[in-house]
Full PDB file with SEQRES, HELIX, SHEET, SSBOND, CRYST1, ORIGX, SCALE, CONECT and MASTER records, all heavy atoms in Angstrom:
SEQRES   1 A   43  GLY SER PRO ALA VAL ALA GLY ARG PRO GLY ALA GLU ASP          
SEQRES   2 A   43  LEU LEU SER ARG PRO LYS ARG PHE ALA VAL LEU ALA TRP          
SEQRES   3 A   43  LEU ALA CYS ALA GLN PRO THR GLY PHE GLN ARG ARG ASP          
SEQRES   4 A   43  ARG ALA ILE GLY                                              
HELIX    1 AA1 ALA A   11  SER A   16  5                                   6    
HELIX    2 AA2 PRO A   18  CYS A   29  1                                  12    
HELIX    3 AA3 ARG A   38  ILE A   42  1                                   5    
CRYST1    1.000    1.000    1.000  90.00  90.00  90.00 P 1           1          
ORIGX1      1.000000  0.000000  0.000000        0.00000                         
ORIGX2      0.000000  1.000000  0.000000        0.00000                         
ORIGX3      0.000000  0.000000  1.000000        0.00000                         
SCALE1      1.000000  0.000000  0.000000        0.00000                         
SCALE2      0.000000  1.000000  0.000000        0.00000                         
SCALE3      0.000000  0.000000  1.000000        0.00000                         
ATOM      1  N   GLY A   1      16.626  19.536  10.682  1.00  0.00           N  
ATOM      2  CA  GLY A   1      15.547  20.202  11.374  1.00  0.00           C  
ATOM      3  C   GLY A   1      14.274  20.116  10.549  1.00  0.00           C  
ATOM      4  O   GLY A   1      14.072  19.178   9.766  1.00  0.00           O  
ATOM      5  N   SER A   2      13.412  21.086  10.686  1.00  0.00           N  
ATOM      6  CA  SER A   2      12.179  21.105   9.891  1.00  0.00           C  
ATOM      7  C   SER A   2      12.540  21.340   8.427  1.00  0.00           C  
ATOM      8  O   SER A   2      13.223  22.316   8.111  1.00  0.00           O  
ATOM      9  CB  SER A   2      11.241  22.207  10.382  1.00  0.00           C  
ATOM     10  OG  SER A   2      10.862  21.969  11.718  1.00  0.00           O  
ATOM     11  N   PRO A   3      12.103  20.482   7.516  1.00  0.00           N  
ATOM     12  CA  PRO A   3      12.511  20.615   6.118  1.00  0.00           C  
ATOM     13  C   PRO A   3      11.940  21.871   5.471  1.00  0.00           C  
ATOM     14  O   PRO A   3      10.864  22.346   5.824  1.00  0.00           O  
ATOM     15  CB  PRO A   3      11.967  19.347   5.461  1.00  0.00           C  
ATOM     16  CG  PRO A   3      10.847  18.904   6.342  1.00  0.00           C  
ATOM     17  CD  PRO A   3      11.234  19.310   7.726  1.00  0.00           C  
ATOM     18  N   ALA A   4      12.688  22.381   4.499  1.00  0.00           N  
ATOM     19  CA  ALA A   4      12.261  23.561   3.751  1.00  0.00           C  
ATOM     20  C   ALA A   4      12.923  23.525   2.398  1.00  0.00           C  
ATOM     21  O   ALA A   4      13.988  22.926   2.216  1.00  0.00           O  
ATOM     22  CB  ALA A   4      12.631  24.847   4.493  1.00  0.00           C  
ATOM     23  N   VAL A   5      12.283  24.151   1.427  1.00  0.00           N  
ATOM     24  CA  VAL A   5      12.853  24.246   0.084  1.00  0.00           C  
ATOM     25  C   VAL A   5      12.539  25.635  -0.454  1.00  0.00           C  
ATOM     26  O   VAL A   5      11.439  26.151  -0.277  1.00  0.00           O  
ATOM     27  CB  VAL A   5      12.306  23.125  -0.844  1.00  0.00           C  
ATOM     28  CG1 VAL A   5      10.789  23.153  -0.928  1.00  0.00           C  
ATOM     29  CG2 VAL A   5      12.924  23.199  -2.227  1.00  0.00           C  
ATOM     30  N   ALA A   6      13.529  26.250  -1.073  1.00  0.00           N  
ATOM     31  CA  ALA A   6      13.370  27.620  -1.554  1.00  0.00           C  
ATOM     32  C   ALA A   6      14.274  27.826  -2.763  1.00  0.00           C  
ATOM     33  O   ALA A   6      15.116  26.994  -3.086  1.00  0.00           O  
ATOM     34  CB  ALA A   6      13.724  28.621  -0.454  1.00  0.00           C  
ATOM     35  N   GLY A   7      14.070  28.951  -3.432  1.00  0.00           N  
ATOM     36  CA  GLY A   7      14.930  29.305  -4.556  1.00  0.00           C  
ATOM     37  C   GLY A   7      14.181  29.487  -5.857  1.00  0.00           C  
ATOM     38  O   GLY A   7      14.672  30.139  -6.770  1.00  0.00           O  
ATOM     39  N   ARG A   8      12.994  28.884  -5.939  1.00  0.00           N  
ATOM     40  CA  ARG A   8      12.137  29.047  -7.116  1.00  0.00           C  
ATOM     41  C   ARG A   8      10.710  29.313  -6.658  1.00  0.00           C  
ATOM     42  O   ARG A   8      10.277  28.775  -5.625  1.00  0.00           O  
ATOM     43  CB  ARG A   8      12.176  27.804  -8.014  1.00  0.00           C  
ATOM     44  CG  ARG A   8      13.484  27.646  -8.781  1.00  0.00           C  
ATOM     45  CD  ARG A   8      13.459  26.410  -9.663  1.00  0.00           C  
ATOM     46  NE  ARG A   8      14.712  26.224 -10.362  1.00  0.00           N  
ATOM     47  CZ  ARG A   8      14.951  26.623 -11.605  1.00  0.00           C  
ATOM     48  NH1 ARG A   8      13.998  27.234 -12.287  1.00  0.00           N  
ATOM     49  NH2 ARG A   8      16.120  26.400 -12.179  1.00  0.00           N  
ATOM     50  N   PRO A   9       9.977  30.112  -7.403  1.00  0.00           N  
ATOM     51  CA  PRO A   9       8.589  30.397  -7.028  1.00  0.00           C  
ATOM     52  C   PRO A   9       7.787  29.109  -6.870  1.00  0.00           C  
ATOM     53  O   PRO A   9       7.804  28.244  -7.753  1.00  0.00           O  
ATOM     54  CB  PRO A   9       8.070  31.245  -8.192  1.00  0.00           C  
ATOM     55  CG  PRO A   9       9.299  31.869  -8.777  1.00  0.00           C  
ATOM     56  CD  PRO A   9      10.385  30.847  -8.629  1.00  0.00           C  
ATOM     57  N   GLY A  10       7.123  28.974  -5.755  1.00  0.00           N  
ATOM     58  CA  GLY A  10       6.285  27.810  -5.517  1.00  0.00           C  
ATOM     59  C   GLY A  10       7.014  26.600  -4.987  1.00  0.00           C  
ATOM     60  O   GLY A  10       6.381  25.569  -4.720  1.00  0.00           O  
ATOM     61  N   ALA A  11       8.344  26.687  -4.820  1.00  0.00           N  
ATOM     62  CA  ALA A  11       9.100  25.522  -4.379  1.00  0.00           C  
ATOM     63  C   ALA A  11       8.629  25.029  -3.014  1.00  0.00           C  
ATOM     64  O   ALA A  11       8.594  23.817  -2.756  1.00  0.00           O  
ATOM     65  CB  ALA A  11      10.589  25.850  -4.339  1.00  0.00           C  
ATOM     66  N   GLU A  12       8.266  25.970  -2.131  1.00  0.00           N  
ATOM     67  CA  GLU A  12       7.840  25.569  -0.788  1.00  0.00           C  
ATOM     68  C   GLU A  12       6.561  24.735  -0.815  1.00  0.00           C  
ATOM     69  O   GLU A  12       6.270  23.996   0.133  1.00  0.00           O  
ATOM     70  CB  GLU A  12       7.644  26.798   0.103  1.00  0.00           C  
ATOM     71  CG  GLU A  12       6.505  27.716  -0.300  1.00  0.00           C  
ATOM     72  CD  GLU A  12       6.863  28.685  -1.431  1.00  0.00           C  
ATOM     73  OE1 GLU A  12       7.995  28.615  -1.953  1.00  0.00           O  
ATOM     74  OE2 GLU A  12       5.994  29.510  -1.772  1.00  0.00           O  
ATOM     75  N   ASP A  13       5.806  24.819  -1.913  1.00  0.00           N  
ATOM     76  CA  ASP A  13       4.568  24.042  -2.008  1.00  0.00           C  
ATOM     77  C   ASP A  13       4.833  22.542  -2.113  1.00  0.00           C  
ATOM     78  O   ASP A  13       3.915  21.731  -1.934  1.00  0.00           O  
ATOM     79  CB  ASP A  13       3.742  24.493  -3.219  1.00  0.00           C  
ATOM     80  CG  ASP A  13       3.215  25.912  -3.057  1.00  0.00           C  
ATOM     81  OD1 ASP A  13       3.172  26.397  -1.911  1.00  0.00           O  
ATOM     82  OD2 ASP A  13       2.868  26.538  -4.081  1.00  0.00           O  
ATOM     83  N   LEU A  14       6.079  22.169  -2.417  1.00  0.00           N  
ATOM     84  CA  LEU A  14       6.403  20.745  -2.484  1.00  0.00           C  
ATOM     85  C   LEU A  14       6.112  20.038  -1.164  1.00  0.00           C  
ATOM     86  O   LEU A  14       5.798  18.842  -1.150  1.00  0.00           O  
ATOM     87  CB  LEU A  14       7.876  20.546  -2.835  1.00  0.00           C  
ATOM     88  CG  LEU A  14       8.254  20.574  -4.313  1.00  0.00           C  
ATOM     89  CD1 LEU A  14       9.755  20.463  -4.474  1.00  0.00           C  
ATOM     90  CD2 LEU A  14       7.558  19.451  -5.073  1.00  0.00           C  
ATOM     91  N   LEU A  15       6.217  20.763  -0.066  1.00  0.00           N  
ATOM     92  CA  LEU A  15       5.977  20.140   1.235  1.00  0.00           C  
ATOM     93  C   LEU A  15       4.522  19.716   1.410  1.00  0.00           C  
ATOM     94  O   LEU A  15       4.215  18.909   2.290  1.00  0.00           O  
ATOM     95  CB  LEU A  15       6.393  21.094   2.347  1.00  0.00           C  
ATOM     96  CG  LEU A  15       7.911  21.245   2.501  1.00  0.00           C  
ATOM     97  CD1 LEU A  15       8.243  22.467   3.341  1.00  0.00           C  
ATOM     98  CD2 LEU A  15       8.508  19.993   3.118  1.00  0.00           C  
ATOM     99  N   SER A  16       3.637  20.238   0.579  1.00  0.00           N  
ATOM    100  CA  SER A  16       2.239  19.812   0.631  1.00  0.00           C  
ATOM    101  C   SER A  16       2.025  18.495  -0.114  1.00  0.00           C  
ATOM    102  O   SER A  16       0.925  17.947  -0.085  1.00  0.00           O  
ATOM    103  CB  SER A  16       1.327  20.895   0.049  1.00  0.00           C  
ATOM    104  OG  SER A  16       1.549  21.052  -1.344  1.00  0.00           O  
ATOM    105  N   ARG A  17       3.062  18.023  -0.796  1.00  0.00           N  
ATOM    106  CA  ARG A  17       3.023  16.714  -1.467  1.00  0.00           C  
ATOM    107  C   ARG A  17       4.111  15.845  -0.840  1.00  0.00           C  
ATOM    108  O   ARG A  17       5.205  15.682  -1.393  1.00  0.00           O  
ATOM    109  CB  ARG A  17       3.263  16.875  -2.966  1.00  0.00           C  
ATOM    110  CG  ARG A  17       2.329  17.859  -3.678  1.00  0.00           C  
ATOM    111  CD  ARG A  17       0.891  17.351  -3.701  1.00  0.00           C  
ATOM    112  NE  ARG A  17       0.739  16.135  -4.469  1.00  0.00           N  
ATOM    113  CZ  ARG A  17       0.491  16.101  -5.777  1.00  0.00           C  
ATOM    114  NH1 ARG A  17       0.395  17.241  -6.464  1.00  0.00           N  
ATOM    115  NH2 ARG A  17       0.328  14.964  -6.410  1.00  0.00           N  
ATOM    116  N   PRO A  18       3.857  15.300   0.355  1.00  0.00           N  
ATOM    117  CA  PRO A  18       4.918  14.657   1.138  1.00  0.00           C  
ATOM    118  C   PRO A  18       5.692  13.570   0.404  1.00  0.00           C  
ATOM    119  O   PRO A  18       6.914  13.500   0.526  1.00  0.00           O  
ATOM    120  CB  PRO A  18       4.174  14.088   2.350  1.00  0.00           C  
ATOM    121  CG  PRO A  18       2.965  14.952   2.482  1.00  0.00           C  
ATOM    122  CD  PRO A  18       2.575  15.305   1.075  1.00  0.00           C  
ATOM    123  N   LYS A  19       4.990  12.709  -0.363  1.00  0.00           N  
ATOM    124  CA  LYS A  19       5.734  11.621  -1.004  1.00  0.00           C  
ATOM    125  C   LYS A  19       6.667  12.159  -2.070  1.00  0.00           C  
ATOM    126  O   LYS A  19       7.809  11.698  -2.207  1.00  0.00           O  
ATOM    127  CB  LYS A  19       4.791  10.569  -1.583  1.00  0.00           C  
ATOM    128  CG  LYS A  19       5.542   9.377  -2.178  1.00  0.00           C  
ATOM    129  CD  LYS A  19       4.642   8.194  -2.461  1.00  0.00           C  
ATOM    130  CE  LYS A  19       4.301   7.433  -1.212  1.00  0.00           C  
ATOM    131  NZ  LYS A  19       3.646   6.128  -1.482  1.00  0.00           N  
ATOM    132  N   ARG A  20       6.240  13.156  -2.806  1.00  0.00           N  
ATOM    133  CA  ARG A  20       7.110  13.720  -3.835  1.00  0.00           C  
ATOM    134  C   ARG A  20       8.280  14.477  -3.211  1.00  0.00           C  
ATOM    135  O   ARG A  20       9.405  14.430  -3.720  1.00  0.00           O  
ATOM    136  CB  ARG A  20       6.293  14.592  -4.788  1.00  0.00           C  
ATOM    137  CG  ARG A  20       5.348  13.710  -5.609  1.00  0.00           C  
ATOM    138  CD  ARG A  20       4.501  14.446  -6.599  1.00  0.00           C  
ATOM    139  NE  ARG A  20       3.663  13.489  -7.336  1.00  0.00           N  
ATOM    140  CZ  ARG A  20       2.822  13.805  -8.292  1.00  0.00           C  
ATOM    141  NH1 ARG A  20       2.668  15.074  -8.661  1.00  0.00           N  
ATOM    142  NH2 ARG A  20       2.117  12.870  -8.903  1.00  0.00           N  
ATOM    143  N   PHE A  21       8.026  15.154  -2.106  1.00  0.00           N  
ATOM    144  CA  PHE A  21       9.137  15.783  -1.398  1.00  0.00           C  
ATOM    145  C   PHE A  21      10.087  14.720  -0.862  1.00  0.00           C  
ATOM    146  O   PHE A  21      11.311  14.891  -0.888  1.00  0.00           O  
ATOM    147  CB  PHE A  21       8.630  16.650  -0.246  1.00  0.00           C  
ATOM    148  CG  PHE A  21       9.730  17.371   0.468  1.00  0.00           C  
ATOM    149  CD1 PHE A  21      10.222  18.567  -0.017  1.00  0.00           C  
ATOM    150  CD2 PHE A  21      10.300  16.827   1.617  1.00  0.00           C  
ATOM    151  CE1 PHE A  21      11.265  19.228   0.630  1.00  0.00           C  
ATOM    152  CE2 PHE A  21      11.342  17.478   2.262  1.00  0.00           C  
ATOM    153  CZ  PHE A  21      11.817  18.682   1.768  1.00  0.00           C  
ATOM    154  N   ALA A  22       9.540  13.603  -0.392  1.00  0.00           N  
ATOM    155  CA  ALA A  22      10.379  12.516   0.108  1.00  0.00           C  
ATOM    156  C   ALA A  22      11.258  11.942  -0.999  1.00  0.00           C  
ATOM    157  O   ALA A  22      12.426  11.608  -0.761  1.00  0.00           O  
ATOM    158  CB  ALA A  22       9.513  11.421   0.719  1.00  0.00           C  
ATOM    159  N   VAL A  23      10.711  11.802  -2.204  1.00  0.00           N  
ATOM    160  CA  VAL A  23      11.525  11.336  -3.338  1.00  0.00           C  
ATOM    161  C   VAL A  23      12.698  12.294  -3.561  1.00  0.00           C  
ATOM    162  O   VAL A  23      13.842  11.871  -3.752  1.00  0.00           O  
ATOM    163  CB  VAL A  23      10.666  11.209  -4.609  1.00  0.00           C  
ATOM    164  CG1 VAL A  23      11.543  10.954  -5.833  1.00  0.00           C  
ATOM    165  CG2 VAL A  23       9.639  10.088  -4.453  1.00  0.00           C  
ATOM    166  N   LEU A  24      12.415  13.590  -3.533  1.00  0.00           N  
ATOM    167  CA  LEU A  24      13.470  14.584  -3.714  1.00  0.00           C  
ATOM    168  C   LEU A  24      14.512  14.477  -2.606  1.00  0.00           C  
ATOM    169  O   LEU A  24      15.733  14.479  -2.878  1.00  0.00           O  
ATOM    170  CB  LEU A  24      12.852  15.984  -3.711  1.00  0.00           C  
ATOM    171  CG  LEU A  24      13.835  17.157  -3.771  1.00  0.00           C  
ATOM    172  CD1 LEU A  24      14.589  17.164  -5.089  1.00  0.00           C  
ATOM    173  CD2 LEU A  24      13.089  18.485  -3.565  1.00  0.00           C  
ATOM    174  N   ALA A  25      14.068  14.380  -1.362  1.00  0.00           N  
ATOM    175  CA  ALA A  25      14.998  14.290  -0.235  1.00  0.00           C  
ATOM    176  C   ALA A  25      15.859  13.042  -0.336  1.00  0.00           C  
ATOM    177  O   ALA A  25      17.069  13.084  -0.089  1.00  0.00           O  
ATOM    178  CB  ALA A  25      14.223  14.299   1.080  1.00  0.00           C  
ATOM    179  N   TRP A  26      15.250  11.928  -0.706  1.00  0.00           N  
ATOM    180  CA  TRP A  26      16.011  10.684  -0.827  1.00  0.00           C  
ATOM    181  C   TRP A  26      17.033  10.785  -1.948  1.00  0.00           C  
ATOM    182  O   TRP A  26      18.201  10.410  -1.757  1.00  0.00           O  
ATOM    183  CB  TRP A  26      15.056   9.522  -1.082  1.00  0.00           C  
ATOM    184  CG  TRP A  26      15.777   8.234  -1.323  1.00  0.00           C  
ATOM    185  CD1 TRP A  26      16.443   7.479  -0.401  1.00  0.00           C  
ATOM    186  CD2 TRP A  26      15.925   7.566  -2.583  1.00  0.00           C  
ATOM    187  NE1 TRP A  26      17.000   6.371  -0.996  1.00  0.00           N  
ATOM    188  CE2 TRP A  26      16.695   6.405  -2.325  1.00  0.00           C  
ATOM    189  CE3 TRP A  26      15.482   7.818  -3.864  1.00  0.00           C  
ATOM    190  CZ2 TRP A  26      17.030   5.506  -3.344  1.00  0.00           C  
ATOM    191  CZ3 TRP A  26      15.808   6.925  -4.875  1.00  0.00           C  
ATOM    192  CH2 TRP A  26      16.575   5.789  -4.618  1.00  0.00           C  
ATOM    193  N   LEU A  27      16.634  11.293  -3.097  1.00  0.00           N  
ATOM    194  CA  LEU A  27      17.585  11.434  -4.207  1.00  0.00           C  
ATOM    195  C   LEU A  27      18.743  12.352  -3.825  1.00  0.00           C  
ATOM    196  O   LEU A  27      19.883  12.141  -4.247  1.00  0.00           O  
ATOM    197  CB  LEU A  27      16.871  11.989  -5.440  1.00  0.00           C  
ATOM    198  CG  LEU A  27      15.943  11.036  -6.181  1.00  0.00           C  
ATOM    199  CD1 LEU A  27      15.193  11.774  -7.281  1.00  0.00           C  
ATOM    200  CD2 LEU A  27      16.729   9.864  -6.782  1.00  0.00           C  
ATOM    201  N   ALA A  28      18.466  13.360  -3.017  1.00  0.00           N  
ATOM    202  CA  ALA A  28      19.500  14.317  -2.638  1.00  0.00           C  
ATOM    203  C   ALA A  28      20.454  13.765  -1.589  1.00  0.00           C  
ATOM    204  O   ALA A  28      21.586  14.249  -1.473  1.00  0.00           O  
ATOM    205  CB  ALA A  28      18.844  15.597  -2.118  1.00  0.00           C  
ATOM    206  N   CYS A  29      20.016  12.756  -0.814  1.00  0.00           N  
ATOM    207  CA  CYS A  29      20.814  12.296   0.327  1.00  0.00           C  
ATOM    208  C   CYS A  29      21.302  10.855   0.236  1.00  0.00           C  
ATOM    209  O   CYS A  29      22.183  10.463   1.005  1.00  0.00           O  
ATOM    210  CB  CYS A  29      20.001  12.405   1.613  1.00  0.00           C  
ATOM    211  SG  CYS A  29      19.617  14.080   2.101  1.00  0.00           S  
ATOM    212  N   ALA A  30      20.718  10.063  -0.655  1.00  0.00           N  
ATOM    213  CA  ALA A  30      21.039   8.639  -0.687  1.00  0.00           C  
ATOM    214  C   ALA A  30      22.531   8.420  -0.896  1.00  0.00           C  
ATOM    215  O   ALA A  30      23.194   9.175  -1.604  1.00  0.00           O  
ATOM    216  CB  ALA A  30      20.234   7.945  -1.777  1.00  0.00           C  
ATOM    217  N   GLN A  31      23.028   7.380  -0.247  1.00  0.00           N  
ATOM    218  CA  GLN A  31      24.430   6.998  -0.373  1.00  0.00           C  
ATOM    219  C   GLN A  31      24.538   5.671  -1.110  1.00  0.00           C  
ATOM    220  O   GLN A  31      23.738   4.773  -0.873  1.00  0.00           O  
ATOM    221  CB  GLN A  31      25.063   6.878   1.011  1.00  0.00           C  
ATOM    222  CG  GLN A  31      25.108   8.186   1.779  1.00  0.00           C  
ATOM    223  CD  GLN A  31      26.205   9.105   1.298  1.00  0.00           C  
ATOM    224  OE1 GLN A  31      27.377   8.807   1.460  1.00  0.00           O  
ATOM    225  NE2 GLN A  31      25.821  10.209   0.688  1.00  0.00           N  
ATOM    226  N   PRO A  32      25.533   5.484  -1.976  1.00  0.00           N  
ATOM    227  CA  PRO A  32      26.476   6.512  -2.412  1.00  0.00           C  
ATOM    228  C   PRO A  32      25.755   7.585  -3.220  1.00  0.00           C  
ATOM    229  O   PRO A  32      24.707   7.339  -3.808  1.00  0.00           O  
ATOM    230  CB  PRO A  32      27.477   5.739  -3.277  1.00  0.00           C  
ATOM    231  CG  PRO A  32      26.718   4.556  -3.760  1.00  0.00           C  
ATOM    232  CD  PRO A  32      25.759   4.197  -2.670  1.00  0.00           C  
ATOM    233  N   THR A  33      26.329   8.779  -3.238  1.00  0.00           N  
ATOM    234  CA  THR A  33      25.700   9.893  -3.928  1.00  0.00           C  
ATOM    235  C   THR A  33      25.703   9.672  -5.428  1.00  0.00           C  
ATOM    236  O   THR A  33      26.422   8.830  -5.958  1.00  0.00           O  
ATOM    237  CB  THR A  33      26.438  11.204  -3.605  1.00  0.00           C  
ATOM    238  OG1 THR A  33      27.823  11.062  -3.997  1.00  0.00           O  
ATOM    239  CG2 THR A  33      26.360  11.528  -2.136  1.00  0.00           C  
ATOM    240  N   GLY A  34      24.907  10.454  -6.111  1.00  0.00           N  
ATOM    241  CA  GLY A  34      24.849  10.344  -7.570  1.00  0.00           C  
ATOM    242  C   GLY A  34      23.604   9.617  -8.021  1.00  0.00           C  
ATOM    243  O   GLY A  34      22.557   9.658  -7.359  1.00  0.00           O  
ATOM    244  N   PHE A  35      23.714   8.959  -9.150  1.00  0.00           N  
ATOM    245  CA  PHE A  35      22.549   8.311  -9.744  1.00  0.00           C  
ATOM    246  C   PHE A  35      22.083   7.130  -8.908  1.00  0.00           C  
ATOM    247  O   PHE A  35      22.889   6.352  -8.390  1.00  0.00           O  
ATOM    248  CB  PHE A  35      22.878   7.859 -11.169  1.00  0.00           C  
ATOM    249  CG  PHE A  35      22.909   8.986 -12.156  1.00  0.00           C  
ATOM    250  CD1 PHE A  35      24.091   9.638 -12.445  1.00  0.00           C  
ATOM    251  CD2 PHE A  35      21.742   9.403 -12.774  1.00  0.00           C  
ATOM    252  CE1 PHE A  35      24.123  10.696 -13.350  1.00  0.00           C  
ATOM    253  CE2 PHE A  35      21.757  10.460 -13.677  1.00  0.00           C  
ATOM    254  CZ  PHE A  35      22.950  11.108 -13.963  1.00  0.00           C  
ATOM    255  N   GLN A  36      20.749   7.027  -8.795  1.00  0.00           N  
ATOM    256  CA  GLN A  36      20.103   5.932  -8.074  1.00  0.00           C  
ATOM    257  C   GLN A  36      19.247   5.135  -9.049  1.00  0.00           C  
ATOM    258  O   GLN A  36      18.636   5.696  -9.958  1.00  0.00           O  
ATOM    259  CB  GLN A  36      19.219   6.476  -6.945  1.00  0.00           C  
ATOM    260  CG  GLN A  36      19.925   7.429  -5.994  1.00  0.00           C  
ATOM    261  CD  GLN A  36      21.071   6.785  -5.252  1.00  0.00           C  
ATOM    262  OE1 GLN A  36      21.004   5.600  -4.920  1.00  0.00           O  
ATOM    263  NE2 GLN A  36      22.118   7.553  -4.986  1.00  0.00           N  
ATOM    264  N   ARG A  37      19.183   3.847  -8.839  1.00  0.00           N  
ATOM    265  CA  ARG A  37      18.390   3.007  -9.730  1.00  0.00           C  
ATOM    266  C   ARG A  37      16.898   3.237  -9.481  1.00  0.00           C  
ATOM    267  O   ARG A  37      16.455   3.342  -8.332  1.00  0.00           O  
ATOM    268  CB  ARG A  37      18.728   1.532  -9.543  1.00  0.00           C  
ATOM    269  CG  ARG A  37      20.126   1.166 -10.039  1.00  0.00           C  
ATOM    270  CD  ARG A  37      20.315  -0.332 -10.108  1.00  0.00           C  
ATOM    271  NE  ARG A  37      19.350  -0.972 -10.991  1.00  0.00           N  
ATOM    272  CZ  ARG A  37      19.458  -1.015 -12.328  1.00  0.00           C  
ATOM    273  NH1 ARG A  37      20.490  -0.437 -12.929  1.00  0.00           N  
ATOM    274  NH2 ARG A  37      18.541  -1.635 -13.042  1.00  0.00           N  
ATOM    275  N   ARG A  38      16.150   3.301 -10.568  1.00  0.00           N  
ATOM    276  CA  ARG A  38      14.704   3.468 -10.445  1.00  0.00           C  
ATOM    277  C   ARG A  38      14.078   2.311  -9.672  1.00  0.00           C  
ATOM    278  O   ARG A  38      13.114   2.512  -8.933  1.00  0.00           O  
ATOM    279  CB  ARG A  38      14.065   3.584 -11.832  1.00  0.00           C  
ATOM    280  CG  ARG A  38      14.358   4.911 -12.539  1.00  0.00           C  
ATOM    281  CD  ARG A  38      13.777   4.916 -13.940  1.00  0.00           C  
ATOM    282  NE  ARG A  38      14.124   6.128 -14.668  1.00  0.00           N  
ATOM    283  CZ  ARG A  38      13.308   7.148 -14.875  1.00  0.00           C  
ATOM    284  NH1 ARG A  38      12.064   7.102 -14.404  1.00  0.00           N  
ATOM    285  NH2 ARG A  38      13.700   8.207 -15.551  1.00  0.00           N  
ATOM    286  N   ASP A  39      14.614   1.106  -9.852  1.00  0.00           N  
ATOM    287  CA  ASP A  39      14.061  -0.042  -9.138  1.00  0.00           C  
ATOM    288  C   ASP A  39      14.135   0.162  -7.631  1.00  0.00           C  
ATOM    289  O   ASP A  39      13.231  -0.236  -6.893  1.00  0.00           O  
ATOM    290  CB  ASP A  39      14.819  -1.316  -9.512  1.00  0.00           C  
ATOM    291  CG  ASP A  39      14.518  -1.784 -10.919  1.00  0.00           C  
ATOM    292  OD1 ASP A  39      13.544  -1.278 -11.519  1.00  0.00           O  
ATOM    293  OD2 ASP A  39      15.247  -2.652 -11.434  1.00  0.00           O  
ATOM    294  N   ARG A  40      15.229   0.774  -7.172  1.00  0.00           N  
ATOM    295  CA  ARG A  40      15.369   1.033  -5.741  1.00  0.00           C  
ATOM    296  C   ARG A  40      14.337   2.051  -5.283  1.00  0.00           C  
ATOM    297  O   ARG A  40      13.747   1.913  -4.201  1.00  0.00           O  
ATOM    298  CB  ARG A  40      16.786   1.539  -5.449  1.00  0.00           C  
ATOM    299  CG  ARG A  40      17.094   1.685  -3.968  1.00  0.00           C  
ATOM    300  CD  ARG A  40      18.504   2.208  -3.744  1.00  0.00           C  
ATOM    301  NE  ARG A  40      18.758   2.477  -2.334  1.00  0.00           N  
ATOM    302  CZ  ARG A  40      19.721   3.255  -1.879  1.00  0.00           C  
ATOM    303  NH1 ARG A  40      20.551   3.853  -2.732  1.00  0.00           N  
ATOM    304  NH2 ARG A  40      19.880   3.454  -0.594  1.00  0.00           N  
ATOM    305  N   ALA A  41      14.093   3.053  -6.110  1.00  0.00           N  
ATOM    306  CA  ALA A  41      13.113   4.080  -5.754  1.00  0.00           C  
ATOM    307  C   ALA A  41      11.707   3.513  -5.675  1.00  0.00           C  
ATOM    308  O   ALA A  41      10.973   3.770  -4.711  1.00  0.00           O  
ATOM    309  CB  ALA A  41      13.170   5.226  -6.758  1.00  0.00           C  
ATOM    310  N   ILE A  42      11.328   2.734  -6.672  1.00  0.00           N  
ATOM    311  CA  ILE A  42       9.947   2.235  -6.658  1.00  0.00           C  
ATOM    312  C   ILE A  42       9.765   1.192  -5.565  1.00  0.00           C  
ATOM    313  O   ILE A  42       8.680   1.076  -4.984  1.00  0.00           O  
ATOM    314  CB  ILE A  42       9.519   1.696  -8.042  1.00  0.00           C  
ATOM    315  CG1 ILE A  42      10.334   0.485  -8.459  1.00  0.00           C  
ATOM    316  CG2 ILE A  42       9.589   2.792  -9.084  1.00  0.00           C  
ATOM    317  CD1 ILE A  42       9.873  -0.120  -9.785  1.00  0.00           C  
ATOM    318  N   GLY A  43      10.814   0.432  -5.242  1.00  0.00           N  
ATOM    319  CA  GLY A  43      10.722  -0.515  -4.139  1.00  0.00           C  
ATOM    320  C   GLY A  43      10.565   0.184  -2.802  1.00  0.00           C  
ATOM    321  O   GLY A  43       9.953  -0.348  -1.873  1.00  0.00           O  
TER     322      GLY A  43                                                      
MASTER        0    0    0    3    0    0    0    6  321    1    0    4          
END                                                                             
């Protein structure tokens, strides 16, 4: 649904930085889970 982030003061402000929030969302959801190569992220 509509994305949201909470749990730490100011966490919701991440949504005002869409690309950085997108990096977080991708790292949290990418398959296979776990560590992702930086080359894949920058590409």
